[in-house]
Amino acid sequence: MKETLLEAKIKWPKNLPSGIIHGDLFIDNIFFNNNKFHGYIDFYFACNDFLMYEIAICINALCFDKKNRKFIFNKKKSKNLIKGYSKIRKLSRKEKKSLNILCKGAALRYLLTRTYDYLNTPKSAIIKIKDPKEYIQKLKVHNTLNNFKNYFN
């Protein structure tokens, strides 16, 4: 984890296209009806950030399948996500180059925030604490996917 934090500090992109992002597009924040998108909720983390960071969050949140306590990267889902997004907005070469470090940064963010919540949320709280350990597995996957093409080939 320390190495990933240092890598993010060194490789974090600058001057990528930015705009308003949701910042927390997990499946429990997205509504579908008959496999068609119908909206999303929970804008607590909405902010102005790199548009590609939203894609990185979505890859971490939506493109892994859980099987027997393991999180397996689903390249088909990742490919469809990137392909669908690219139909609306073409990704620049610089954005594509930054995908891996943004995915690592997003995974690190959720690992650390979930760890904080796990350690600091009172037992009496009416909230389901999410296991941070899945993001250790996801970081390991991102360490093997070191360029844009590896996210869908």
N, C-alpha and C. Protein backbone atom coordinates (compact mmCIF):
# COMPACT_ATOMS: atom_id res chain seq x y z
N MET A 1 0.83 -1.19 0.00
CA MET A 1 0.00 0.00 0.00
C MET A 1 0.87 1.26 0.00
N LYS A 2 1.95 1.22 0.75
CA LYS A 2 2.85 2.37 0.81
C LYS A 2 3.43 2.67 -0.57
N GLU A 3 3.77 1.60 -1.31
CA GLU A 3 4.32 1.76 -2.66
C GLU A 3 3.29 2.39 -3.59
N THR A 4 2.04 1.97 -3.46
CA THR A 4 0.97 2.51 -4.31
C THR A 4 0.75 3.98 -4.01
N LEU A 5 0.79 4.34 -2.75
CA LEU A 5 0.64 5.75 -2.38
C LEU A 5 1.77 6.60 -2.96
N LEU A 6 2.98 6.11 -2.89
CA LEU A 6 4.12 6.82 -3.46
C LEU A 6 4.00 6.91 -4.98
N GLU A 7 3.60 5.80 -5.60
CA GLU A 7 3.41 5.80 -7.06
C GLU A 7 2.35 6.83 -7.47
N ALA A 8 1.25 6.87 -6.73
CA ALA A 8 0.19 7.84 -7.04
C ALA A 8 0.69 9.26 -6.90
N LYS A 9 1.48 9.50 -5.89
CA LYS A 9 2.04 10.84 -5.68
C LYS A 9 2.91 11.27 -6.87
N ILE A 10 3.70 10.34 -7.38
CA ILE A 10 4.62 10.63 -8.47
C ILE A 10 3.89 10.69 -9.83
N LYS A 11 2.99 9.74 -10.08
CA LYS A 11 2.38 9.59 -11.40
C LYS A 11 1.01 10.23 -11.55
N TRP A 12 0.48 10.82 -10.49
CA TRP A 12 -0.88 11.37 -10.58
C TRP A 12 -0.92 12.40 -11.71
N PRO A 13 -1.89 12.27 -12.62
CA PRO A 13 -1.91 13.14 -13.80
C PRO A 13 -2.27 14.59 -13.45
N LYS A 14 -1.89 15.45 -14.36
CA LYS A 14 -2.22 16.87 -14.25
C LYS A 14 -2.92 17.29 -15.54
N ASN A 15 -3.79 18.24 -15.42
CA ASN A 15 -4.43 18.86 -16.59
C ASN A 15 -5.23 17.89 -17.47
N LEU A 16 -5.91 16.95 -16.86
CA LEU A 16 -6.85 16.13 -17.62
C LEU A 16 -8.17 16.86 -17.71
N PRO A 17 -9.01 16.52 -18.69
CA PRO A 17 -10.34 17.13 -18.75
C PRO A 17 -11.08 16.92 -17.43
N SER A 18 -11.67 17.98 -16.93
CA SER A 18 -12.35 17.96 -15.63
C SER A 18 -13.78 18.42 -15.76
N GLY A 19 -14.55 18.11 -14.76
CA GLY A 19 -15.93 18.54 -14.69
C GLY A 19 -16.57 17.96 -13.44
N ILE A 20 -17.87 18.13 -13.35
CA ILE A 20 -18.60 17.60 -12.20
C ILE A 20 -18.69 16.08 -12.33
N ILE A 21 -18.27 15.38 -11.28
CA ILE A 21 -18.41 13.92 -11.25
C ILE A 21 -19.23 13.54 -10.02
N HIS A 22 -19.83 12.37 -10.08
CA HIS A 22 -20.60 11.85 -8.95
C HIS A 22 -19.67 11.45 -7.81
N GLY A 23 -18.60 10.75 -8.15
CA GLY A 23 -17.58 10.39 -7.17
C GLY A 23 -17.86 9.16 -6.33
N ASP A 24 -19.00 8.49 -6.56
CA ASP A 24 -19.35 7.31 -5.75
C ASP A 24 -20.34 6.42 -6.50
N LEU A 25 -20.06 6.18 -7.78
CA LEU A 25 -21.00 5.40 -8.60
C LEU A 25 -20.82 3.90 -8.36
N PHE A 26 -21.37 3.45 -7.26
CA PHE A 26 -21.44 2.03 -6.93
C PHE A 26 -22.84 1.54 -7.29
N ILE A 27 -22.99 0.24 -7.41
CA ILE A 27 -24.25 -0.34 -7.85
C ILE A 27 -25.42 0.05 -6.95
N ASP A 28 -25.17 0.28 -5.66
CA ASP A 28 -26.26 0.66 -4.76
C ASP A 28 -26.66 2.13 -4.91
N ASN A 29 -25.97 2.86 -5.76
CA ASN A 29 -26.32 4.26 -6.03
C ASN A 29 -26.87 4.47 -7.43
N ILE A 30 -27.03 3.39 -8.19
CA ILE A 30 -27.48 3.47 -9.59
C ILE A 30 -28.78 2.70 -9.74
N PHE A 31 -29.75 3.30 -10.43
CA PHE A 31 -31.03 2.65 -10.68
C PHE A 31 -31.14 2.22 -12.14
N PHE A 32 -31.56 0.95 -12.32
CA PHE A 32 -31.82 0.41 -13.64
C PHE A 32 -33.24 -0.13 -13.65
N ASN A 33 -33.88 -0.09 -14.81
CA ASN A 33 -35.18 -0.70 -15.00
C ASN A 33 -35.14 -1.38 -16.36
N ASN A 34 -35.37 -2.68 -16.39
CA ASN A 34 -35.26 -3.46 -17.63
C ASN A 34 -33.91 -3.24 -18.31
N ASN A 35 -32.85 -3.29 -17.54
CA ASN A 35 -31.47 -3.11 -18.02
C ASN A 35 -31.21 -1.75 -18.65
N LYS A 36 -32.04 -0.77 -18.36
CA LYS A 36 -31.81 0.59 -18.85
C LYS A 36 -31.58 1.51 -17.65
N PHE A 37 -30.60 2.36 -17.80
CA PHE A 37 -30.27 3.33 -16.76
C PHE A 37 -31.46 4.25 -16.49
N HIS A 38 -31.78 4.46 -15.22
CA HIS A 38 -32.88 5.34 -14.85
C HIS A 38 -32.49 6.44 -13.89
N GLY A 39 -31.28 6.43 -13.38
CA GLY A 39 -30.85 7.51 -12.51
C GLY A 39 -29.91 7.04 -11.43
N TYR A 40 -29.44 7.99 -10.64
CA TYR A 40 -28.57 7.65 -9.53
C TYR A 40 -28.81 8.59 -8.37
N ILE A 41 -28.35 8.15 -7.19
CA ILE A 41 -28.56 8.89 -5.95
C ILE A 41 -27.24 9.07 -5.23
N ASP A 42 -27.29 9.74 -4.09
CA ASP A 42 -26.16 9.88 -3.17
C ASP A 42 -25.06 10.75 -3.77
N PHE A 43 -25.27 12.03 -3.72
CA PHE A 43 -24.33 12.98 -4.30
C PHE A 43 -23.36 13.56 -3.27
N TYR A 44 -23.20 12.87 -2.16
CA TYR A 44 -22.35 13.37 -1.08
C TYR A 44 -20.92 13.63 -1.55
N PHE A 45 -20.39 12.78 -2.43
CA PHE A 45 -19.01 12.92 -2.90
C PHE A 45 -18.89 13.62 -4.25
N ALA A 46 -19.99 14.16 -4.76
CA ALA A 46 -19.94 14.87 -6.04
C ALA A 46 -18.97 16.05 -5.92
N CYS A 47 -18.20 16.25 -6.97
CA CYS A 47 -17.19 17.31 -6.94
C CYS A 47 -16.72 17.61 -8.36
N ASN A 48 -15.87 18.58 -8.49
CA ASN A 48 -15.22 18.88 -9.76
C ASN A 48 -13.88 18.14 -9.75
N ASP A 49 -13.70 17.21 -10.67
CA ASP A 49 -12.48 16.40 -10.70
C ASP A 49 -12.26 15.92 -12.13
N PHE A 50 -11.21 15.13 -12.32
CA PHE A 50 -10.95 14.55 -13.63
C PHE A 50 -12.12 13.66 -14.03
N LEU A 51 -12.60 13.81 -15.25
CA LEU A 51 -13.68 12.96 -15.74
C LEU A 51 -13.23 11.50 -15.78
N MET A 52 -11.96 11.29 -16.05
CA MET A 52 -11.42 9.93 -16.11
C MET A 52 -11.38 9.28 -14.72
N TYR A 53 -11.33 10.08 -13.68
CA TYR A 53 -11.37 9.53 -12.32
C TYR A 53 -12.72 8.87 -12.06
N GLU A 54 -13.78 9.42 -12.62
CA GLU A 54 -15.11 8.80 -12.50
C GLU A 54 -15.10 7.40 -13.13
N ILE A 55 -14.44 7.28 -14.28
CA ILE A 55 -14.32 5.97 -14.93
C ILE A 55 -13.54 5.01 -14.03
N ALA A 56 -12.46 5.50 -13.43
CA ALA A 56 -11.65 4.66 -12.54
C ALA A 56 -12.48 4.18 -11.34
N ILE A 57 -13.28 5.05 -10.78
CA ILE A 57 -14.17 4.66 -9.67
C ILE A 57 -15.14 3.59 -10.14
N CYS A 58 -15.73 3.80 -11.32
CA CYS A 58 -16.69 2.83 -11.85
C CYS A 58 -16.04 1.47 -12.13
N ILE A 59 -14.83 1.48 -12.65
CA ILE A 59 -14.13 0.20 -12.88
C ILE A 59 -13.95 -0.54 -11.56
N ASN A 60 -13.53 0.16 -10.53
CA ASN A 60 -13.37 -0.47 -9.22
C ASN A 60 -14.70 -0.96 -8.65
N ALA A 61 -15.74 -0.18 -8.84
CA ALA A 61 -17.03 -0.50 -8.24
C ALA A 61 -17.85 -1.51 -9.03
N LEU A 62 -17.72 -1.50 -10.36
CA LEU A 62 -18.66 -2.24 -11.20
C LEU A 62 -18.03 -3.35 -12.04
N CYS A 63 -16.72 -3.40 -12.14
CA CYS A 63 -16.08 -4.32 -13.09
C CYS A 63 -15.31 -5.45 -12.42
N PHE A 64 -15.71 -5.80 -11.22
CA PHE A 64 -15.15 -6.96 -10.52
C PHE A 64 -16.31 -7.86 -10.11
N ASP A 65 -16.12 -9.15 -10.26
CA ASP A 65 -17.12 -10.13 -9.83
C ASP A 65 -16.61 -10.83 -8.58
N LYS A 66 -17.48 -10.98 -7.61
CA LYS A 66 -17.10 -11.65 -6.36
C LYS A 66 -17.43 -13.14 -6.46
N LYS A 67 -16.39 -13.95 -6.26
CA LYS A 67 -16.57 -15.41 -6.28
C LYS A 67 -15.78 -15.99 -5.12
N ASN A 68 -16.49 -16.60 -4.18
CA ASN A 68 -15.84 -17.23 -3.02
C ASN A 68 -14.87 -16.30 -2.31
N ARG A 69 -15.34 -15.10 -1.99
CA ARG A 69 -14.56 -14.10 -1.24
C ARG A 69 -13.40 -13.51 -2.04
N LYS A 70 -13.33 -13.81 -3.33
CA LYS A 70 -12.30 -13.24 -4.19
C LYS A 70 -12.97 -12.31 -5.20
N PHE A 71 -12.25 -11.26 -5.54
CA PHE A 71 -12.76 -10.31 -6.52
C PHE A 71 -11.99 -10.49 -7.81
N ILE A 72 -12.71 -10.93 -8.84
CA ILE A 72 -12.12 -11.24 -10.15
C ILE A 72 -12.44 -10.10 -11.11
N PHE A 73 -11.40 -9.57 -11.75
CA PHE A 73 -11.61 -8.48 -12.70
C PHE A 73 -12.35 -9.01 -13.92
N ASN A 74 -13.40 -8.31 -14.33
CA ASN A 74 -14.22 -8.69 -15.48
C ASN A 74 -13.91 -7.73 -16.63
N LYS A 75 -13.04 -8.18 -17.53
CA LYS A 75 -12.62 -7.33 -18.65
C LYS A 75 -13.78 -6.98 -19.58
N LYS A 76 -14.75 -7.88 -19.69
CA LYS A 76 -15.90 -7.60 -20.55
C LYS A 76 -16.68 -6.40 -20.02
N LYS A 77 -16.90 -6.37 -18.72
CA LYS A 77 -17.61 -5.23 -18.12
C LYS A 77 -16.80 -3.95 -18.30
N SER A 78 -15.50 -4.03 -18.09
CA SER A 78 -14.62 -2.87 -18.24
C SER A 78 -14.65 -2.37 -19.68
N LYS A 79 -14.56 -3.30 -20.61
CA LYS A 79 -14.59 -2.95 -22.04
C LYS A 79 -15.90 -2.25 -22.38
N ASN A 80 -17.01 -2.81 -21.92
CA ASN A 80 -18.32 -2.22 -22.21
C ASN A 80 -18.47 -0.84 -21.57
N LEU A 81 -17.95 -0.68 -20.37
CA LEU A 81 -18.00 0.62 -19.69
C LEU A 81 -17.23 1.67 -20.50
N ILE A 82 -16.00 1.34 -20.86
CA ILE A 82 -15.16 2.29 -21.61
C ILE A 82 -15.74 2.54 -23.00
N LYS A 83 -16.21 1.48 -23.66
CA LYS A 83 -16.81 1.62 -24.99
C LYS A 83 -18.06 2.50 -24.95
N GLY A 84 -18.92 2.27 -23.97
CA GLY A 84 -20.13 3.07 -23.84
C GLY A 84 -19.82 4.53 -23.54
N TYR A 85 -18.90 4.76 -22.64
CA TYR A 85 -18.50 6.13 -22.30
C TYR A 85 -17.90 6.83 -23.52
N SER A 86 -17.09 6.10 -24.28
CA SER A 86 -16.41 6.67 -25.45
C SER A 86 -17.37 7.04 -26.57
N LYS A 87 -18.56 6.44 -26.58
CA LYS A 87 -19.58 6.82 -27.57
C LYS A 87 -20.11 8.23 -27.28
N ILE A 88 -20.09 8.60 -26.02
CA ILE A 88 -20.59 9.92 -25.62
C ILE A 88 -19.47 10.95 -25.61
N ARG A 89 -18.31 10.53 -25.15
CA ARG A 89 -17.18 11.45 -25.04
C ARG A 89 -15.89 10.69 -25.31
N LYS A 90 -15.19 11.10 -26.35
CA LYS A 90 -13.94 10.43 -26.74
C LYS A 90 -12.86 10.71 -25.70
N LEU A 91 -12.14 9.66 -25.34
CA LEU A 91 -11.05 9.78 -24.38
C LEU A 91 -9.77 10.20 -25.09
N SER A 92 -9.05 11.12 -24.49
CA SER A 92 -7.78 11.57 -25.05
C SER A 92 -6.69 10.53 -24.76
N ARG A 93 -5.60 10.62 -25.48
CA ARG A 93 -4.46 9.73 -25.25
C ARG A 93 -3.95 9.89 -23.81
N LYS A 94 -3.92 11.12 -23.32
CA LYS A 94 -3.44 11.39 -21.95
C LYS A 94 -4.37 10.75 -20.91
N GLU A 95 -5.68 10.80 -21.17
CA GLU A 95 -6.63 10.16 -20.25
C GLU A 95 -6.44 8.64 -20.24
N LYS A 96 -6.27 8.07 -21.43
CA LYS A 96 -6.06 6.62 -21.51
C LYS A 96 -4.80 6.22 -20.76
N LYS A 97 -3.75 7.01 -20.93
CA LYS A 97 -2.48 6.73 -20.27
C LYS A 97 -2.62 6.80 -18.74
N SER A 98 -3.54 7.62 -18.26
CA SER A 98 -3.70 7.83 -16.81
C SER A 98 -4.64 6.82 -16.14
N LEU A 99 -5.32 6.00 -16.93
CA LEU A 99 -6.35 5.12 -16.35
C LEU A 99 -5.81 4.24 -15.23
N ASN A 100 -4.68 3.61 -15.43
CA ASN A 100 -4.17 2.68 -14.42
C ASN A 100 -3.89 3.36 -13.09
N ILE A 101 -3.22 4.49 -13.10
CA ILE A 101 -2.90 5.17 -11.84
C ILE A 101 -4.17 5.72 -11.19
N LEU A 102 -5.13 6.16 -12.00
CA LEU A 102 -6.40 6.63 -11.44
C LEU A 102 -7.18 5.47 -10.81
N CYS A 103 -7.13 4.29 -11.43
CA CYS A 103 -7.78 3.11 -10.83
C CYS A 103 -7.12 2.74 -9.51
N LYS A 104 -5.80 2.80 -9.49
CA LYS A 104 -5.08 2.52 -8.24
C LYS A 104 -5.44 3.55 -7.17
N GLY A 105 -5.49 4.82 -7.56
CA GLY A 105 -5.84 5.88 -6.62
C GLY A 105 -7.25 5.72 -6.07
N ALA A 106 -8.19 5.36 -6.95
CA ALA A 106 -9.57 5.14 -6.51
C ALA A 106 -9.64 3.95 -5.56
N ALA A 107 -8.94 2.87 -5.89
CA ALA A 107 -8.93 1.69 -5.01
C ALA A 107 -8.32 2.03 -3.66
N LEU A 108 -7.26 2.80 -3.68
CA LEU A 108 -6.61 3.22 -2.44
C LEU A 108 -7.55 4.09 -1.60
N ARG A 109 -8.27 4.98 -2.27
CA ARG A 109 -9.24 5.83 -1.57
C ARG A 109 -10.27 4.99 -0.83
N TYR A 110 -10.85 4.00 -1.51
CA TYR A 110 -11.88 3.18 -0.87
C TYR A 110 -11.29 2.25 0.18
N LEU A 111 -10.10 1.77 -0.04
CA LEU A 111 -9.43 0.96 0.99
C LEU A 111 -9.26 1.77 2.27
N LEU A 112 -8.77 2.98 2.15
CA LEU A 112 -8.50 3.81 3.33
C LEU A 112 -9.77 4.32 3.99
N THR A 113 -10.75 4.78 3.20
CA THR A 113 -11.98 5.30 3.82
C THR A 113 -12.79 4.18 4.47
N ARG A 114 -12.82 3.02 3.84
CA ARG A 114 -13.54 1.90 4.45
C ARG A 114 -12.83 1.39 5.70
N THR A 115 -11.51 1.42 5.68
CA THR A 115 -10.75 1.04 6.88
C THR A 115 -11.06 2.01 8.01
N TYR A 116 -11.07 3.29 7.70
CA TYR A 116 -11.39 4.29 8.72
C TYR A 116 -12.79 4.02 9.29
N ASP A 117 -13.77 3.81 8.40
CA ASP A 117 -15.14 3.54 8.86
C ASP A 117 -15.20 2.27 9.70
N TYR A 118 -14.48 1.24 9.27
CA TYR A 118 -14.46 -0.04 9.99
C TYR A 118 -13.93 0.14 11.41
N LEU A 119 -12.91 0.97 11.55
CA LEU A 119 -12.28 1.17 12.86
C LEU A 119 -13.00 2.20 13.73
N ASN A 120 -13.74 3.12 13.14
CA ASN A 120 -14.27 4.25 13.89
C ASN A 120 -15.78 4.36 13.99
N THR A 121 -16.53 3.54 13.27
CA THR A 121 -17.98 3.63 13.34
C THR A 121 -18.48 2.90 14.59
N PRO A 122 -19.27 3.57 15.41
CA PRO A 122 -19.79 2.93 16.63
C PRO A 122 -20.63 1.70 16.29
N LYS A 123 -20.56 0.69 17.11
CA LYS A 123 -21.33 -0.54 16.91
C LYS A 123 -22.83 -0.25 16.87
N SER A 124 -23.25 0.81 17.55
CA SER A 124 -24.67 1.16 17.61
C SER A 124 -25.17 1.88 16.36
N ALA A 125 -24.28 2.24 15.46
CA ALA A 125 -24.67 2.97 14.25
C ALA A 125 -25.56 2.10 13.36
N ILE A 126 -26.55 2.75 12.75
CA ILE A 126 -27.46 2.03 11.86
C ILE A 126 -26.91 2.16 10.44
N ILE A 127 -25.83 1.47 10.20
CA ILE A 127 -25.16 1.52 8.91
C ILE A 127 -24.41 0.21 8.72
N LYS A 128 -24.38 -0.25 7.50
CA LYS A 128 -23.63 -1.48 7.20
C LYS A 128 -22.21 -1.07 6.80
N ILE A 129 -21.25 -1.51 7.59
CA ILE A 129 -19.85 -1.21 7.30
C ILE A 129 -19.38 -2.16 6.20
N LYS A 130 -18.79 -1.60 5.17
CA LYS A 130 -18.30 -2.41 4.04
C LYS A 130 -16.86 -2.82 4.29
N ASP A 131 -16.56 -4.05 3.91
CA ASP A 131 -15.23 -4.63 4.14
C ASP A 131 -14.19 -3.94 3.26
N PRO A 132 -13.18 -3.35 3.86
CA PRO A 132 -12.15 -2.66 3.07
C PRO A 132 -11.19 -3.61 2.35
N LYS A 133 -11.12 -4.87 2.80
CA LYS A 133 -10.11 -5.79 2.28
C LYS A 133 -10.26 -6.10 0.80
N GLU A 134 -11.47 -5.94 0.26
CA GLU A 134 -11.64 -6.21 -1.17
C GLU A 134 -10.74 -5.31 -2.01
N TYR A 135 -10.43 -4.12 -1.47
CA TYR A 135 -9.61 -3.18 -2.24
C TYR A 135 -8.13 -3.53 -2.22
N ILE A 136 -7.72 -4.37 -1.31
CA ILE A 136 -6.35 -4.91 -1.37
C ILE A 136 -6.25 -5.81 -2.60
N GLN A 137 -7.27 -6.66 -2.79
CA GLN A 137 -7.31 -7.53 -3.97
C GLN A 137 -7.37 -6.70 -5.26
N LYS A 138 -8.18 -5.68 -5.26
CA LYS A 138 -8.33 -4.85 -6.46
C LYS A 138 -7.04 -4.10 -6.79
N LEU A 139 -6.35 -3.63 -5.78
CA LEU A 139 -5.05 -2.98 -6.02
C LEU A 139 -4.07 -3.96 -6.66
N LYS A 140 -4.08 -5.20 -6.21
CA LYS A 140 -3.20 -6.21 -6.80
C LYS A 140 -3.52 -6.42 -8.28
N VAL A 141 -4.80 -6.43 -8.60
CA VAL A 141 -5.20 -6.56 -10.01
C VAL A 141 -4.70 -5.37 -10.82
N HIS A 142 -4.90 -4.17 -10.31
CA HIS A 142 -4.45 -2.97 -11.04
C HIS A 142 -2.93 -2.97 -11.23
N ASN A 143 -2.21 -3.58 -10.32
CA ASN A 143 -0.75 -3.68 -10.48
C ASN A 143 -0.37 -4.57 -11.66
N THR A 144 -1.27 -5.46 -12.09
CA THR A 144 -1.01 -6.31 -13.25
C THR A 144 -1.51 -5.68 -14.55
N LEU A 145 -2.40 -4.71 -14.45
CA LEU A 145 -2.99 -4.05 -15.63
C LEU A 145 -2.30 -2.71 -15.83
N ASN A 146 -1.10 -2.72 -16.33
CA ASN A 146 -0.30 -1.50 -16.31
C ASN A 146 -0.50 -0.56 -17.49
N ASN A 147 -1.45 -0.85 -18.39
CA ASN A 147 -1.76 0.14 -19.44
C ASN A 147 -3.22 0.05 -19.86
N PHE A 148 -3.67 1.04 -20.57
CA PHE A 148 -5.08 1.18 -20.94
C PHE A 148 -5.62 -0.07 -21.62
N LYS A 149 -4.89 -0.60 -22.58
CA LYS A 149 -5.38 -1.75 -23.35
C LYS A 149 -5.63 -2.98 -22.49
N ASN A 150 -4.90 -3.11 -21.40
CA ASN A 150 -5.09 -4.27 -20.52
C ASN A 150 -6.43 -4.24 -19.79
N TYR A 151 -7.11 -3.12 -19.82
CA TYR A 151 -8.41 -3.03 -19.15
C TYR A 151 -9.54 -3.61 -20.01
N PHE A 152 -9.24 -3.96 -21.26
CA PHE A 152 -10.29 -4.58 -22.06
C PHE A 152 -9.80 -5.59 -23.09
N ASN A 153 -8.53 -5.89 -23.16
CA ASN A 153 -8.04 -6.92 -24.10
C ASN A 153 -7.81 -8.23 -23.38
